[in-house]
Amino acid sequence: MNDLVTEDDLARARVDPDFRRQFLAQNLDRLLEALKKTRQASGQTADTFRQLREGAELAVKLADRLQDGDFGPRAA
């Protein structure tokens, strides 16, 4: 789960709707897990709370795309 997103992943997600859906879902899971770990960590600062808020906003956007079937920009 610590694997970085590759350029090949991004290129495939642009042209393959099934892969794009899977890609969004996996990255939503990664984001939620990171938010959970950050929230449970000790020594939270104002910056930590800002990051949690930004992460939560991104998670909502990803979830909305998955629900709406909007898997992002398509290749031209």
N, C-alpha and C. Protein backbone atom coordinates (compact mmCIF):
# COMPACT_ATOMS: atom_id res chain seq x y z
N MET A 1 0.81 -1.19 0.00
CA MET A 1 0.00 0.00 0.00
C MET A 1 0.86 1.26 0.00
N ASN A 2 2.13 1.12 0.24
CA ASN A 2 3.03 2.27 0.25
C ASN A 2 3.59 2.57 -1.13
N ASP A 3 3.17 1.83 -2.15
CA ASP A 3 3.67 2.05 -3.49
C ASP A 3 3.21 3.41 -4.00
N LEU A 4 4.15 4.10 -4.65
CA LEU A 4 3.80 5.37 -5.25
C LEU A 4 3.05 5.15 -6.54
N VAL A 5 2.28 6.12 -6.93
CA VAL A 5 1.57 6.07 -8.20
C VAL A 5 2.60 6.33 -9.30
N THR A 6 2.56 5.49 -10.32
CA THR A 6 3.51 5.64 -11.42
C THR A 6 2.89 6.39 -12.58
N GLU A 7 3.72 6.86 -13.48
CA GLU A 7 3.24 7.51 -14.69
C GLU A 7 2.42 6.53 -15.53
N ASP A 8 2.82 5.25 -15.53
CA ASP A 8 2.06 4.23 -16.26
C ASP A 8 0.65 4.08 -15.68
N ASP A 9 0.54 4.11 -14.35
CA ASP A 9 -0.78 4.05 -13.70
C ASP A 9 -1.66 5.21 -14.15
N LEU A 10 -1.08 6.40 -14.14
CA LEU A 10 -1.84 7.58 -14.53
C LEU A 10 -2.26 7.52 -15.99
N ALA A 11 -1.36 7.08 -16.85
CA ALA A 11 -1.68 6.97 -18.28
C ALA A 11 -2.80 5.96 -18.50
N ARG A 12 -2.71 4.82 -17.83
CA ARG A 12 -3.75 3.80 -17.99
C ARG A 12 -5.09 4.28 -17.44
N ALA A 13 -5.06 5.00 -16.31
CA ALA A 13 -6.30 5.51 -15.72
C ALA A 13 -6.99 6.50 -16.65
N ARG A 14 -6.22 7.18 -17.48
CA ARG A 14 -6.81 8.16 -18.40
C ARG A 14 -7.59 7.49 -19.53
N VAL A 15 -7.25 6.26 -19.87
CA VAL A 15 -7.88 5.63 -21.04
C VAL A 15 -8.73 4.41 -20.72
N ASP A 16 -8.62 3.87 -19.53
CA ASP A 16 -9.33 2.64 -19.16
C ASP A 16 -10.30 2.93 -18.00
N PRO A 17 -11.60 3.06 -18.30
CA PRO A 17 -12.57 3.41 -17.26
C PRO A 17 -12.62 2.41 -16.09
N ASP A 18 -12.49 1.12 -16.37
CA ASP A 18 -12.50 0.14 -15.28
C ASP A 18 -11.29 0.30 -14.38
N PHE A 19 -10.13 0.49 -14.99
CA PHE A 19 -8.91 0.71 -14.20
C PHE A 19 -9.03 2.01 -13.42
N ARG A 20 -9.59 3.06 -14.05
CA ARG A 20 -9.75 4.36 -13.39
C ARG A 20 -10.60 4.22 -12.14
N ARG A 21 -11.70 3.47 -12.22
CA ARG A 21 -12.58 3.26 -11.06
C ARG A 21 -11.81 2.54 -9.95
N GLN A 22 -11.09 1.48 -10.32
CA GLN A 22 -10.29 0.73 -9.35
C GLN A 22 -9.19 1.61 -8.75
N PHE A 23 -8.56 2.39 -9.59
CA PHE A 23 -7.49 3.29 -9.17
C PHE A 23 -8.00 4.31 -8.16
N LEU A 24 -9.15 4.93 -8.45
CA LEU A 24 -9.74 5.90 -7.52
C LEU A 24 -10.11 5.23 -6.20
N ALA A 25 -10.71 4.05 -6.27
CA ALA A 25 -11.12 3.34 -5.05
C ALA A 25 -9.91 2.98 -4.19
N GLN A 26 -8.85 2.48 -4.81
CA GLN A 26 -7.66 2.10 -4.05
C GLN A 26 -7.02 3.32 -3.40
N ASN A 27 -6.97 4.42 -4.14
CA ASN A 27 -6.35 5.61 -3.59
C ASN A 27 -7.23 6.27 -2.53
N LEU A 28 -8.54 6.13 -2.65
CA LEU A 28 -9.42 6.59 -1.57
C LEU A 28 -9.15 5.79 -0.30
N ASP A 29 -9.00 4.48 -0.43
CA ASP A 29 -8.67 3.64 0.72
C ASP A 29 -7.34 4.05 1.34
N ARG A 30 -6.35 4.31 0.50
CA ARG A 30 -5.03 4.74 1.00
C ARG A 30 -5.14 6.06 1.77
N LEU A 31 -5.90 6.99 1.19
CA LEU A 31 -6.06 8.29 1.83
C LEU A 31 -6.77 8.16 3.17
N LEU A 32 -7.83 7.37 3.22
CA LEU A 32 -8.56 7.20 4.48
C LEU A 32 -7.69 6.54 5.55
N GLU A 33 -6.89 5.58 5.15
CA GLU A 33 -5.99 4.93 6.11
C GLU A 33 -4.95 5.92 6.64
N ALA A 34 -4.41 6.75 5.76
CA ALA A 34 -3.44 7.76 6.18
C ALA A 34 -4.08 8.78 7.12
N LEU A 35 -5.31 9.18 6.81
CA LEU A 35 -6.01 10.11 7.70
C LEU A 35 -6.25 9.50 9.07
N LYS A 36 -6.62 8.23 9.08
CA LYS A 36 -6.86 7.54 10.35
C LYS A 36 -5.58 7.49 11.19
N LYS A 37 -4.46 7.14 10.57
CA LYS A 37 -3.19 7.08 11.29
C LYS A 37 -2.78 8.45 11.81
N THR A 38 -2.97 9.47 10.99
CA THR A 38 -2.60 10.82 11.39
C THR A 38 -3.46 11.29 12.55
N ARG A 39 -4.74 10.99 12.49
CA ARG A 39 -5.66 11.40 13.56
C ARG A 39 -5.31 10.72 14.88
N GLN A 40 -4.87 9.47 14.82
CA GLN A 40 -4.57 8.71 16.03
C GLN A 40 -3.18 9.03 16.60
N ALA A 41 -2.35 9.69 15.82
CA ALA A 41 -0.99 10.01 16.27
C ALA A 41 -1.02 11.06 17.37
N SER A 42 -0.04 11.00 18.23
CA SER A 42 0.04 12.01 19.30
C SER A 42 0.79 13.23 18.79
N GLY A 43 0.68 14.31 19.52
CA GLY A 43 1.42 15.52 19.18
C GLY A 43 0.84 16.27 17.99
N GLN A 44 -0.47 16.29 17.86
CA GLN A 44 -1.09 16.98 16.75
C GLN A 44 -0.95 18.49 16.91
N THR A 45 -0.72 19.14 15.78
CA THR A 45 -0.55 20.59 15.76
C THR A 45 -1.63 21.21 14.86
N ALA A 46 -1.60 22.52 14.77
CA ALA A 46 -2.54 23.21 13.87
C ALA A 46 -2.31 22.74 12.43
N ASP A 47 -1.06 22.49 12.07
CA ASP A 47 -0.75 22.01 10.73
C ASP A 47 -1.34 20.61 10.50
N THR A 48 -1.30 19.79 11.52
CA THR A 48 -1.90 18.45 11.42
C THR A 48 -3.39 18.55 11.16
N PHE A 49 -4.07 19.43 11.87
CA PHE A 49 -5.50 19.60 11.68
C PHE A 49 -5.82 20.12 10.28
N ARG A 50 -4.97 21.02 9.78
CA ARG A 50 -5.15 21.53 8.42
C ARG A 50 -5.01 20.40 7.41
N GLN A 51 -4.01 19.55 7.59
CA GLN A 51 -3.80 18.42 6.70
C GLN A 51 -4.96 17.43 6.76
N LEU A 52 -5.47 17.19 7.95
CA LEU A 52 -6.63 16.31 8.10
C LEU A 52 -7.84 16.87 7.37
N ARG A 53 -8.05 18.17 7.49
CA ARG A 53 -9.19 18.80 6.82
C ARG A 53 -9.02 18.70 5.30
N GLU A 54 -7.83 18.99 4.78
CA GLU A 54 -7.58 18.88 3.35
C GLU A 54 -7.75 17.44 2.86
N GLY A 55 -7.27 16.50 3.64
CA GLY A 55 -7.42 15.10 3.28
C GLY A 55 -8.87 14.67 3.27
N ALA A 56 -9.64 15.14 4.23
CA ALA A 56 -11.07 14.81 4.28
C ALA A 56 -11.80 15.40 3.08
N GLU A 57 -11.46 16.62 2.69
CA GLU A 57 -12.09 17.24 1.52
C GLU A 57 -11.76 16.45 0.25
N LEU A 58 -10.52 16.01 0.12
CA LEU A 58 -10.13 15.20 -1.04
C LEU A 58 -10.86 13.86 -1.02
N ALA A 59 -10.99 13.26 0.14
CA ALA A 59 -11.69 11.97 0.25
C ALA A 59 -13.14 12.11 -0.19
N VAL A 60 -13.78 13.21 0.17
CA VAL A 60 -15.17 13.44 -0.24
C VAL A 60 -15.24 13.59 -1.76
N LYS A 61 -14.30 14.30 -2.35
CA LYS A 61 -14.29 14.46 -3.81
C LYS A 61 -14.11 13.11 -4.51
N LEU A 62 -13.19 12.29 -4.02
CA LEU A 62 -12.98 10.97 -4.61
C LEU A 62 -14.22 10.10 -4.47
N ALA A 63 -14.82 10.13 -3.29
CA ALA A 63 -16.03 9.34 -3.06
C ALA A 63 -17.17 9.80 -3.97
N ASP A 64 -17.30 11.10 -4.15
CA ASP A 64 -18.33 11.63 -5.05
C ASP A 64 -18.10 11.16 -6.48
N ARG A 65 -16.86 11.19 -6.93
CA ARG A 65 -16.56 10.72 -8.29
C ARG A 65 -16.91 9.25 -8.45
N LEU A 66 -16.60 8.46 -7.44
CA LEU A 66 -16.91 7.04 -7.53
C LEU A 66 -18.42 6.82 -7.55
N GLN A 67 -19.16 7.53 -6.73
CA GLN A 67 -20.62 7.38 -6.68
C GLN A 67 -21.28 7.84 -7.97
N ASP A 68 -20.80 8.96 -8.51
CA ASP A 68 -21.41 9.56 -9.70
C ASP A 68 -20.95 8.88 -10.99
N GLY A 69 -19.93 8.02 -10.88
CA GLY A 69 -19.38 7.42 -12.09
C GLY A 69 -18.51 8.41 -12.85
N ASP A 70 -18.13 9.52 -12.23
CA ASP A 70 -17.25 10.51 -12.86
C ASP A 70 -15.82 10.14 -12.48
N PHE A 71 -15.15 9.50 -13.39
CA PHE A 71 -13.81 9.00 -13.09
C PHE A 71 -12.73 9.92 -13.60
N GLY A 72 -13.03 11.20 -13.70
CA GLY A 72 -12.03 12.18 -14.05
C GLY A 72 -11.93 12.43 -15.54
N PRO A 73 -10.94 13.21 -15.92
CA PRO A 73 -10.79 13.59 -17.32
C PRO A 73 -10.53 12.40 -18.21
N ARG A 74 -11.08 12.47 -19.40
CA ARG A 74 -10.85 11.42 -20.38
C ARG A 74 -9.78 11.88 -21.36
N ALA A 75 -9.13 10.93 -21.97
CA ALA A 75 -8.13 11.27 -22.99
C ALA A 75 -8.84 11.87 -24.20
N ALA A 76 -8.18 12.80 -24.85
CA ALA A 76 -8.78 13.46 -26.01
C ALA A 76 -8.75 12.57 -27.23
